[in-house]
Amino acid sequence: KPEDTALYYCAADATTISDYYIGAMG
């Protein structure tokens, strides 16, 4: 959709991120 227009970033972390924080950039 047009609203999907964005700069898409790949991110990684060397730990297991809990479900609660899975969407937290930090």
PDB file of all heavy atoms in Angstrom:
ATOM      1  N   LYS A   1       0.849  -1.187   0.000  1.00  0.00           N
ATOM      2  CA  LYS A   1       0.000   0.000   0.000  1.00  0.00           C
ATOM      3  C   LYS A   1       0.893   1.249   0.000  1.00  0.00           C
ATOM      4  O   LYS A   1       2.043   1.184   0.469  1.00  0.00           O
ATOM      5  CB  LYS A   1      -0.872   0.014   1.262  1.00  0.00           C
ATOM      6  CG  LYS A   1      -1.714  -1.220   1.462  1.00  0.00           C
ATOM      7  CD  LYS A   1      -2.439  -1.155   2.796  1.00  0.00           C
ATOM      8  CE  LYS A   1      -3.264  -2.402   3.054  1.00  0.00           C
ATOM      9  NZ  LYS A   1      -3.959  -2.343   4.364  1.00  0.00           N
ATOM     10  N   PRO A   2       0.378   2.371  -0.457  1.00  0.00           N
ATOM     11  CA  PRO A   2       1.183   3.604  -0.416  1.00  0.00           C
ATOM     12  C   PRO A   2       1.696   3.921   0.988  1.00  0.00           C
ATOM     13  O   PRO A   2       2.801   4.466   1.137  1.00  0.00           O
ATOM     14  CB  PRO A   2       0.204   4.660  -0.915  1.00  0.00           C
ATOM     15  CG  PRO A   2      -0.708   3.915  -1.831  1.00  0.00           C
ATOM     16  CD  PRO A   2      -0.885   2.570  -1.196  1.00  0.00           C
ATOM     17  N   GLU A   3       0.926   3.567   1.995  1.00  0.00           N
ATOM     18  CA  GLU A   3       1.362   3.845   3.375  1.00  0.00           C
ATOM     19  C   GLU A   3       2.502   2.946   3.841  1.00  0.00           C
ATOM     20  O   GLU A   3       3.043   3.150   4.940  1.00  0.00           O
ATOM     21  CB  GLU A   3       0.183   3.739   4.355  1.00  0.00           C
ATOM     22  CG  GLU A   3      -0.629   2.479   4.247  1.00  0.00           C
ATOM     23  CD  GLU A   3      -1.880   2.671   3.377  1.00  0.00           C
ATOM     24  OE1 GLU A   3      -1.776   3.293   2.294  1.00  0.00           O
ATOM     25  OE2 GLU A   3      -2.946   2.159   3.788  1.00  0.00           O
ATOM     26  N   ASP A   4       2.885   1.970   3.038  1.00  0.00           N
ATOM     27  CA  ASP A   4       4.062   1.158   3.333  1.00  0.00           C
ATOM     28  C   ASP A   4       5.349   1.851   2.874  1.00  0.00           C
ATOM     29  O   ASP A   4       6.447   1.355   3.157  1.00  0.00           O
ATOM     30  CB  ASP A   4       3.968  -0.209   2.654  1.00  0.00           C
ATOM     31  CG  ASP A   4       2.838  -1.059   3.208  1.00  0.00           C
ATOM     32  OD1 ASP A   4       2.653  -1.078   4.445  1.00  0.00           O
ATOM     33  OD2 ASP A   4       2.137  -1.688   2.398  1.00  0.00           O
ATOM     34  N   THR A   5       5.215   2.958   2.183  1.00  0.00           N
ATOM     35  CA  THR A   5       6.392   3.690   1.725  1.00  0.00           C
ATOM     36  C   THR A   5       7.225   4.141   2.912  1.00  0.00           C
ATOM     37  O   THR A   5       6.721   4.806   3.825  1.00  0.00           O
ATOM     38  CB  THR A   5       5.966   4.921   0.901  1.00  0.00           C
ATOM     39  OG1 THR A   5       5.327   4.478  -0.295  1.00  0.00           O
ATOM     40  CG2 THR A   5       7.173   5.779   0.542  1.00  0.00           C
ATOM     41  N   ALA A   6       8.491   3.739   2.918  1.00  0.00           N
ATOM     42  CA  ALA A   6       9.372   4.042   4.053  1.00  0.00           C
ATOM     43  C   ALA A   6      10.778   3.558   3.751  1.00  0.00           C
ATOM     44  O   ALA A   6      11.000   2.805   2.790  1.00  0.00           O
ATOM     45  CB  ALA A   6       8.859   3.369   5.319  1.00  0.00           C
ATOM     46  N   LEU A   7      11.684   3.971   4.594  1.00  0.00           N
ATOM     47  CA  LEU A   7      13.029   3.406   4.607  1.00  0.00           C
ATOM     48  C   LEU A   7      12.985   2.222   5.562  1.00  0.00           C
ATOM     49  O   LEU A   7      12.602   2.389   6.724  1.00  0.00           O
ATOM     50  CB  LEU A   7      14.033   4.456   5.061  1.00  0.00           C
ATOM     51  CG  LEU A   7      15.513   4.142   4.925  1.00  0.00           C
ATOM     52  CD1 LEU A   7      15.875   3.879   3.464  1.00  0.00           C
ATOM     53  CD2 LEU A   7      16.341   5.310   5.455  1.00  0.00           C
ATOM     54  N   TYR A   8      13.331   1.063   5.056  1.00  0.00           N
ATOM     55  CA  TYR A   8      13.237  -0.159   5.847  1.00  0.00           C
ATOM     56  C   TYR A   8      14.620  -0.537   6.387  1.00  0.00           C
ATOM     57  O   TYR A   8      15.583  -0.659   5.606  1.00  0.00           O
ATOM     58  CB  TYR A   8      12.669  -1.297   4.999  1.00  0.00           C
ATOM     59  CG  TYR A   8      11.180  -1.208   4.841  1.00  0.00           C
ATOM     60  CD1 TYR A   8      10.608  -0.218   4.036  1.00  0.00           C
ATOM     61  CD2 TYR A   8      10.324  -2.073   5.506  1.00  0.00           C
ATOM     62  CE1 TYR A   8       9.234  -0.107   3.906  1.00  0.00           C
ATOM     63  CE2 TYR A   8       8.943  -1.981   5.371  1.00  0.00           C
ATOM     64  CZ  TYR A   8       8.410  -0.993   4.579  1.00  0.00           C
ATOM     65  OH  TYR A   8       7.042  -0.888   4.448  1.00  0.00           O
ATOM     66  N   TYR A   9      14.677  -0.747   7.687  1.00  0.00           N
ATOM     67  CA  TYR A   9      15.927  -1.059   8.363  1.00  0.00           C
ATOM     68  C   TYR A   9      15.915  -2.484   8.901  1.00  0.00           C
ATOM     69  O   TYR A   9      14.926  -2.937   9.483  1.00  0.00           O
ATOM     70  CB  TYR A   9      16.148  -0.124   9.553  1.00  0.00           C
ATOM     71  CG  TYR A   9      16.339   1.321   9.193  1.00  0.00           C
ATOM     72  CD1 TYR A   9      15.257   2.191   9.132  1.00  0.00           C
ATOM     73  CD2 TYR A   9      17.612   1.826   8.932  1.00  0.00           C
ATOM     74  CE1 TYR A   9      15.439   3.527   8.826  1.00  0.00           C
ATOM     75  CE2 TYR A   9      17.802   3.162   8.618  1.00  0.00           C
ATOM     76  CZ  TYR A   9      16.709   4.001   8.569  1.00  0.00           C
ATOM     77  OH  TYR A   9      16.889   5.328   8.256  1.00  0.00           O
ATOM     78  N   CYS A  10      17.032  -3.121   8.766  1.00  0.00           N
ATOM     79  CA  CYS A  10      17.282  -4.420   9.366  1.00  0.00           C
ATOM     80  C   CYS A  10      17.948  -4.196  10.719  1.00  0.00           C
ATOM     81  O   CYS A  10      18.813  -3.319  10.844  1.00  0.00           O
ATOM     82  CB  CYS A  10      18.194  -5.199   8.419  1.00  0.00           C
ATOM     83  SG  CYS A  10      18.892  -6.705   9.080  1.00  0.00           S
ATOM     84  N   ALA A  11      17.546  -4.960  11.723  1.00  0.00           N
ATOM     85  CA  ALA A  11      18.130  -4.828  13.061  1.00  0.00           C
ATOM     86  C   ALA A  11      18.409  -6.204  13.642  1.00  0.00           C
ATOM     87  O   ALA A  11      17.720  -7.171  13.311  1.00  0.00           O
ATOM     88  CB  ALA A  11      17.176  -4.058  13.971  1.00  0.00           C
ATOM     89  N   ALA A  12      19.407  -6.249  14.527  1.00  0.00           N
ATOM     90  CA  ALA A  12      19.780  -7.528  15.124  1.00  0.00           C
ATOM     91  C   ALA A  12      20.243  -7.332  16.555  1.00  0.00           C
ATOM     92  O   ALA A  12      20.755  -6.268  16.916  1.00  0.00           O
ATOM     93  CB  ALA A  12      20.896  -8.181  14.309  1.00  0.00           C
ATOM     94  N   ASP A  13      20.051  -8.386  17.332  1.00  0.00           N
ATOM     95  CA  ASP A  13      20.580  -8.383  18.689  1.00  0.00           C
ATOM     96  C   ASP A  13      21.047  -9.787  19.019  1.00  0.00           C
ATOM     97  O   ASP A  13      20.393 -10.759  18.633  1.00  0.00           O
ATOM     98  CB  ASP A  13      19.532  -7.927  19.693  1.00  0.00           C
ATOM     99  CG  ASP A  13      20.157  -7.647  21.032  1.00  0.00           C
ATOM    100  OD1 ASP A  13      20.783  -6.567  21.165  1.00  0.00           O
ATOM    101  OD2 ASP A  13      20.062  -8.494  21.924  1.00  0.00           O
ATOM    102  N   ALA A  14      22.156  -9.855  19.763  1.00  0.00           N
ATOM    103  CA  ALA A  14      22.760 -11.151  20.053  1.00  0.00           C
ATOM    104  C   ALA A  14      22.096 -11.863  21.223  1.00  0.00           C
ATOM    105  O   ALA A  14      22.572 -12.919  21.642  1.00  0.00           O
ATOM    106  CB  ALA A  14      24.254 -10.978  20.326  1.00  0.00           C
ATOM    107  N   THR A  15      20.991 -11.327  21.728  1.00  0.00           N
ATOM    108  CA  THR A  15      20.289 -11.957  22.840  1.00  0.00           C
ATOM    109  C   THR A  15      18.878 -12.343  22.411  1.00  0.00           C
ATOM    110  O   THR A  15      18.392 -11.918  21.364  1.00  0.00           O
ATOM    111  CB  THR A  15      20.202 -11.006  24.033  1.00  0.00           C
ATOM    112  OG1 THR A  15      19.410  -9.873  23.666  1.00  0.00           O
ATOM    113  CG2 THR A  15      21.577 -10.530  24.464  1.00  0.00           C
ATOM    114  N   THR A  16      18.232 -13.114  23.245  1.00  0.00           N
ATOM    115  CA  THR A  16      16.817 -13.419  23.040  1.00  0.00           C
ATOM    116  C   THR A  16      15.999 -12.275  23.617  1.00  0.00           C
ATOM    117  O   THR A  16      16.103 -11.977  24.803  1.00  0.00           O
ATOM    118  CB  THR A  16      16.444 -14.731  23.727  1.00  0.00           C
ATOM    119  OG1 THR A  16      17.213 -15.789  23.147  1.00  0.00           O
ATOM    120  CG2 THR A  16      14.965 -15.024  23.553  1.00  0.00           C
ATOM    121  N   ILE A  17      15.209 -11.629  22.796  1.00  0.00           N
ATOM    122  CA  ILE A  17      14.387 -10.510  23.241  1.00  0.00           C
ATOM    123  C   ILE A  17      13.008 -11.044  23.601  1.00  0.00           C
ATOM    124  O   ILE A  17      12.401 -11.778  22.826  1.00  0.00           O
ATOM    125  CB  ILE A  17      14.279  -9.443  22.139  1.00  0.00           C
ATOM    126  CG1 ILE A  17      15.682  -8.928  21.768  1.00  0.00           C
ATOM    127  CG2 ILE A  17      13.394  -8.288  22.600  1.00  0.00           C
ATOM    128  CD1 ILE A  17      15.689  -7.964  20.605  1.00  0.00           C
ATOM    129  N   SER A  18      12.534 -10.675  24.759  1.00  0.00           N
ATOM    130  CA  SER A  18      11.230 -11.173  25.192  1.00  0.00           C
ATOM    131  C   SER A  18      10.124 -10.627  24.310  1.00  0.00           C
ATOM    132  O   SER A  18      10.275  -9.593  23.642  1.00  0.00           O
ATOM    133  CB  SER A  18      10.978 -10.776  26.642  1.00  0.00           C
ATOM    134  OG  SER A  18      10.821  -9.373  26.746  1.00  0.00           O
ATOM    135  N   ASP A  19       9.003 -11.324  24.344  1.00  0.00           N
ATOM    136  CA  ASP A  19       7.862 -10.902  23.528  1.00  0.00           C
ATOM    137  C   ASP A  19       7.475  -9.460  23.816  1.00  0.00           C
ATOM    138  O   ASP A  19       7.116  -8.704  22.925  1.00  0.00           O
ATOM    139  CB  ASP A  19       6.659 -11.808  23.803  1.00  0.00           C
ATOM    140  CG  ASP A  19       6.867 -13.215  23.301  1.00  0.00           C
ATOM    141  OD1 ASP A  19       7.954 -13.505  22.752  1.00  0.00           O
ATOM    142  OD2 ASP A  19       5.957 -14.037  23.464  1.00  0.00           O
ATOM    143  N   TYR A  20       7.552  -9.087  25.074  1.00  0.00           N
ATOM    144  CA  TYR A  20       7.115  -7.743  25.469  1.00  0.00           C
ATOM    145  C   TYR A  20       7.944  -6.659  24.791  1.00  0.00           C
ATOM    146  O   TYR A  20       7.426  -5.595  24.464  1.00  0.00           O
ATOM    147  CB  TYR A  20       7.203  -7.609  26.987  1.00  0.00           C
ATOM    148  CG  TYR A  20       6.657  -6.315  27.521  1.00  0.00           C
ATOM    149  CD1 TYR A  20       5.286  -6.139  27.716  1.00  0.00           C
ATOM    150  CD2 TYR A  20       7.505  -5.251  27.832  1.00  0.00           C
ATOM    151  CE1 TYR A  20       4.779  -4.946  28.196  1.00  0.00           C
ATOM    152  CE2 TYR A  20       7.011  -4.056  28.308  1.00  0.00           C
ATOM    153  CZ  TYR A  20       5.648  -3.903  28.506  1.00  0.00           C
ATOM    154  OH  TYR A  20       5.152  -2.731  28.977  1.00  0.00           O
ATOM    155  N   TYR A  21       9.215  -6.931  24.585  1.00  0.00           N
ATOM    156  CA  TYR A  21      10.126  -5.907  24.045  1.00  0.00           C
ATOM    157  C   TYR A  21      10.502  -6.135  22.591  1.00  0.00           C
ATOM    158  O   TYR A  21      11.352  -5.424  22.057  1.00  0.00           O
ATOM    159  CB  TYR A  21      11.402  -5.872  24.882  1.00  0.00           C
ATOM    160  CG  TYR A  21      11.193  -5.327  26.271  1.00  0.00           C
ATOM    161  CD1 TYR A  21      11.261  -6.168  27.389  1.00  0.00           C
ATOM    162  CD2 TYR A  21      10.922  -3.982  26.473  1.00  0.00           C
ATOM    163  CE1 TYR A  21      11.068  -5.680  28.663  1.00  0.00           C
ATOM    164  CE2 TYR A  21      10.727  -3.476  27.754  1.00  0.00           C
ATOM    165  CZ  TYR A  21      10.798  -4.333  28.838  1.00  0.00           C
ATOM    166  OH  TYR A  21      10.599  -3.834  30.090  1.00  0.00           O
ATOM    167  N   ILE A  22       9.866  -7.073  21.937  1.00  0.00           N
ATOM    168  CA  ILE A  22      10.311  -7.450  20.596  1.00  0.00           C
ATOM    169  C   ILE A  22      10.235  -6.289  19.613  1.00  0.00           C
ATOM    170  O   ILE A  22      10.995  -6.223  18.659  1.00  0.00           O
ATOM    171  CB  ILE A  22       9.508  -8.662  20.071  1.00  0.00           C
ATOM    172  CG1 ILE A  22      10.251  -9.347  18.939  1.00  0.00           C
ATOM    173  CG2 ILE A  22       8.106  -8.244  19.650  1.00  0.00           C
ATOM    174  CD1 ILE A  22      11.529 -10.041  19.383  1.00  0.00           C
ATOM    175  N   GLY A  23       9.346  -5.353  19.845  1.00  0.00           N
ATOM    176  CA  GLY A  23       9.208  -4.212  18.941  1.00  0.00           C
ATOM    177  C   GLY A  23       9.923  -2.963  19.406  1.00  0.00           C
ATOM    178  O   GLY A  23       9.772  -1.891  18.794  1.00  0.00           O
ATOM    179  N   ALA A  24      10.734  -3.077  20.434  1.00  0.00           N
ATOM    180  CA  ALA A  24      11.424  -1.918  21.004  1.00  0.00           C
ATOM    181  C   ALA A  24      12.778  -1.728  20.326  1.00  0.00           C
ATOM    182  O   ALA A  24      13.655  -2.575  20.428  1.00  0.00           O
ATOM    183  CB  ALA A  24      11.614  -2.117  22.499  1.00  0.00           C
ATOM    184  N   MET A  25      12.951  -0.593  19.689  1.00  0.00           N
ATOM    185  CA  MET A  25      14.196  -0.337  18.960  1.00  0.00           C
ATOM    186  C   MET A  25      15.413  -0.410  19.855  1.00  0.00           C
ATOM    187  O   MET A  25      16.476  -0.870  19.441  1.00  0.00           O
ATOM    188  CB  MET A  25      14.131   1.039  18.307  1.00  0.00           C
ATOM    189  CG  MET A  25      13.194   1.118  17.123  1.00  0.00           C
ATOM    190  SD  MET A  25      13.348   2.701  16.286  1.00  0.00           S
ATOM    191  CE  MET A  25      12.763   3.810  17.537  1.00  0.00           C
ATOM    192  N   GLY A  26      15.273   0.039  21.085  1.00  0.00           N
ATOM    193  CA  GLY A  26      16.398   0.077  22.005  1.00  0.00           C
ATOM    194  C   GLY A  26      16.947  -1.280  22.374  1.00  0.00           C
ATOM    195  O   GLY A  26      18.052  -1.384  22.919  1.00  0.00           O
TER     196      GLY A  26
END
